[in-house]
N, C-alpha and C. Protein backbone atom coordinates (compact mmCIF):
# COMPACT_ATOMS: atom_id res chain seq x y z
N UNK A 1 -4.39 -6.67 3.83
CA UNK A 1 -3.40 -5.86 3.18
C UNK A 1 -2.05 -5.98 3.90
N UNK A 2 -2.10 -6.00 5.20
CA UNK A 2 -0.87 -6.12 5.98
C UNK A 2 -0.22 -7.49 5.74
N UNK A 3 -1.06 -8.52 5.67
CA UNK A 3 -0.51 -9.87 5.43
C UNK A 3 0.14 -9.98 4.05
N UNK A 4 -0.42 -9.29 3.07
CA UNK A 4 0.20 -9.33 1.74
C UNK A 4 1.55 -8.62 1.75
N UNK A 5 1.65 -7.53 2.50
CA UNK A 5 2.95 -6.84 2.61
C UNK A 5 3.98 -7.70 3.35
N UNK A 6 3.55 -8.31 4.45
CA UNK A 6 4.46 -9.17 5.21
C UNK A 6 4.87 -10.37 4.37
N UNK A 7 3.91 -10.98 3.68
CA UNK A 7 4.22 -12.13 2.83
C UNK A 7 5.15 -11.77 1.69
N UNK A 8 4.95 -10.59 1.10
CA UNK A 8 5.84 -10.16 0.02
C UNK A 8 7.26 -9.96 0.53
N UNK A 9 7.39 -9.28 1.65
CA UNK A 9 8.74 -9.06 2.20
C UNK A 9 9.40 -10.37 2.62
N UNK A 10 8.63 -11.26 3.24
CA UNK A 10 9.15 -12.56 3.63
C UNK A 10 9.61 -13.35 2.42
N UNK A 11 8.82 -13.31 1.36
CA UNK A 11 9.17 -14.04 0.14
C UNK A 11 10.43 -13.47 -0.50
N UNK A 12 10.52 -12.14 -0.54
CA UNK A 12 11.67 -11.52 -1.19
C UNK A 12 12.96 -11.69 -0.38
N UNK A 13 12.85 -11.61 0.94
CA UNK A 13 14.06 -11.61 1.76
C UNK A 13 14.50 -13.00 2.20
N UNK A 14 13.57 -13.90 2.47
CA UNK A 14 13.94 -15.19 3.06
C UNK A 14 13.76 -16.35 2.09
N UNK A 15 12.59 -16.43 1.44
CA UNK A 15 12.33 -17.57 0.57
C UNK A 15 13.24 -17.56 -0.65
N UNK A 16 13.57 -16.37 -1.15
CA UNK A 16 14.44 -16.28 -2.32
C UNK A 16 15.84 -16.84 -2.03
N UNK A 17 16.28 -16.79 -0.79
CA UNK A 17 17.59 -17.37 -0.43
C UNK A 17 17.59 -18.89 -0.57
N UNK A 18 16.41 -19.52 -0.27
CA UNK A 18 16.33 -20.98 -0.37
C UNK A 18 16.14 -21.43 -1.81
N UNK A 19 15.20 -20.79 -2.50
CA UNK A 19 14.90 -21.18 -3.87
C UNK A 19 14.38 -19.95 -4.60
N UNK A 20 15.06 -19.56 -5.67
CA UNK A 20 14.70 -18.34 -6.38
C UNK A 20 13.35 -18.46 -7.08
N UNK A 21 13.03 -19.64 -7.58
CA UNK A 21 11.75 -19.83 -8.27
C UNK A 21 10.57 -19.68 -7.31
N UNK A 22 10.66 -20.32 -6.16
CA UNK A 22 9.59 -20.21 -5.16
C UNK A 22 9.50 -18.78 -4.63
N UNK A 23 10.62 -18.14 -4.42
CA UNK A 23 10.62 -16.76 -3.94
C UNK A 23 9.94 -15.82 -4.91
N UNK A 24 10.25 -15.98 -6.20
CA UNK A 24 9.62 -15.14 -7.21
C UNK A 24 8.12 -15.41 -7.30
N UNK A 25 7.75 -16.69 -7.28
CA UNK A 25 6.34 -17.07 -7.41
C UNK A 25 5.52 -16.55 -6.22
N UNK A 26 6.01 -16.75 -5.02
CA UNK A 26 5.28 -16.27 -3.84
C UNK A 26 5.24 -14.74 -3.80
N UNK A 27 6.31 -14.10 -4.22
CA UNK A 27 6.31 -12.63 -4.27
C UNK A 27 5.27 -12.13 -5.26
N UNK A 28 5.16 -12.81 -6.39
CA UNK A 28 4.16 -12.43 -7.39
C UNK A 28 2.74 -12.62 -6.85
N UNK A 29 2.49 -13.72 -6.15
CA UNK A 29 1.18 -13.98 -5.58
C UNK A 29 0.82 -12.92 -4.53
N UNK A 30 1.75 -12.61 -3.65
CA UNK A 30 1.47 -11.60 -2.63
C UNK A 30 1.33 -10.21 -3.22
N UNK A 31 2.04 -9.93 -4.30
CA UNK A 31 1.90 -8.63 -4.96
C UNK A 31 0.52 -8.51 -5.61
N UNK A 32 0.03 -9.58 -6.22
CA UNK A 32 -1.32 -9.57 -6.79
C UNK A 32 -2.35 -9.38 -5.69
N UNK A 33 -2.14 -10.04 -4.56
CA UNK A 33 -3.03 -9.90 -3.42
C UNK A 33 -3.05 -8.44 -2.92
N UNK A 34 -1.90 -7.80 -2.88
CA UNK A 34 -1.80 -6.42 -2.46
C UNK A 34 -2.52 -5.49 -3.43
N UNK A 35 -2.35 -5.71 -4.71
CA UNK A 35 -3.03 -4.89 -5.72
C UNK A 35 -4.54 -5.06 -5.60
N UNK A 36 -5.01 -6.28 -5.37
CA UNK A 36 -6.44 -6.52 -5.19
C UNK A 36 -6.97 -5.81 -3.95
N UNK A 37 -6.21 -5.79 -2.87
CA UNK A 37 -6.64 -5.11 -1.65
C UNK A 37 -6.72 -3.61 -1.86
N UNK A 38 -5.74 -3.04 -2.54
CA UNK A 38 -5.75 -1.61 -2.82
C UNK A 38 -6.91 -1.26 -3.74
N UNK A 39 -7.18 -2.08 -4.73
CA UNK A 39 -8.31 -1.86 -5.63
C UNK A 39 -9.63 -1.87 -4.86
N UNK A 40 -9.79 -2.80 -3.94
CA UNK A 40 -11.02 -2.87 -3.16
C UNK A 40 -11.16 -1.68 -2.21
N UNK A 41 -10.06 -1.15 -1.72
CA UNK A 41 -10.13 0.03 -0.86
C UNK A 41 -10.58 1.25 -1.66
N UNK A 42 -10.09 1.40 -2.86
CA UNK A 42 -10.41 2.59 -3.65
C UNK A 42 -11.79 2.51 -4.27
N UNK A 43 -12.31 1.31 -4.52
CA UNK A 43 -13.63 1.16 -5.15
C UNK A 43 -14.63 0.58 -4.17
N UNK A 44 -14.59 1.06 -2.95
CA UNK A 44 -15.50 0.57 -1.92
C UNK A 44 -16.90 1.15 -2.10
N UNK A 45 -17.79 0.86 -1.18
CA UNK A 45 -19.16 1.35 -1.29
C UNK A 45 -19.23 2.87 -1.12
N UNK A 46 -20.27 3.43 -1.72
CA UNK A 46 -20.48 4.88 -1.62
C UNK A 46 -20.96 5.23 -0.22
N UNK A 47 -20.90 6.51 0.10
CA UNK A 47 -21.35 6.97 1.41
C UNK A 47 -22.85 6.73 1.60
N UNK A 48 -23.63 6.79 0.52
CA UNK A 48 -25.07 6.55 0.63
C UNK A 48 -25.35 5.10 1.04
N UNK A 49 -24.55 4.18 0.56
CA UNK A 49 -24.74 2.78 0.92
C UNK A 49 -24.33 2.52 2.37
N UNK A 50 -23.34 3.26 2.86
CA UNK A 50 -22.90 3.09 4.23
C UNK A 50 -23.89 3.69 5.23
N UNK A 51 -24.69 4.63 4.78
CA UNK A 51 -25.63 5.33 5.65
C UNK A 51 -26.97 4.60 5.76
N UNK A 52 -27.09 3.41 5.25
CA UNK A 52 -28.37 2.70 5.22
C UNK A 52 -28.89 2.40 6.63
N UNK A 53 -28.04 2.17 7.58
CA UNK A 53 -28.48 1.82 8.92
C UNK A 53 -28.83 3.04 9.77
N UNK A 54 -28.39 4.21 9.38
CA UNK A 54 -28.63 5.42 10.17
C UNK A 54 -29.76 6.27 9.61
N UNK A 55 -30.19 5.98 8.41
CA UNK A 55 -31.19 6.81 7.76
C UNK A 55 -32.60 6.41 8.21
N UNK A 56 -33.45 7.39 8.42
CA UNK A 56 -34.82 7.13 8.87
C UNK A 56 -35.70 6.65 7.73
N UNK A 57 -35.33 6.91 6.48
CA UNK A 57 -36.19 6.51 5.38
C UNK A 57 -36.18 5.01 5.16
N UNK A 58 -35.19 4.30 5.67
CA UNK A 58 -35.13 2.85 5.54
C UNK A 58 -35.80 2.11 6.71
N UNK A 59 -36.12 2.85 7.77
CA UNK A 59 -36.75 2.23 8.94
C UNK A 59 -38.25 2.13 8.73
N UNK A 60 -38.86 1.10 9.22
CA UNK A 60 -40.32 0.94 9.05
C UNK A 60 -41.05 1.42 10.27
């Protein structure tokens, strides 16, 4: 997530000065990457799935 933010800012501030098309394209790619990271954070595993290693019912 941090790399997508850094890449987006780098693309908007530096790459756009060299070439507007590449700056827009890279900014769009990093923005999609950021949206995917946020989506994965919000739709992560449930607490029951995270507790699989600590629960005694799963131990033999």
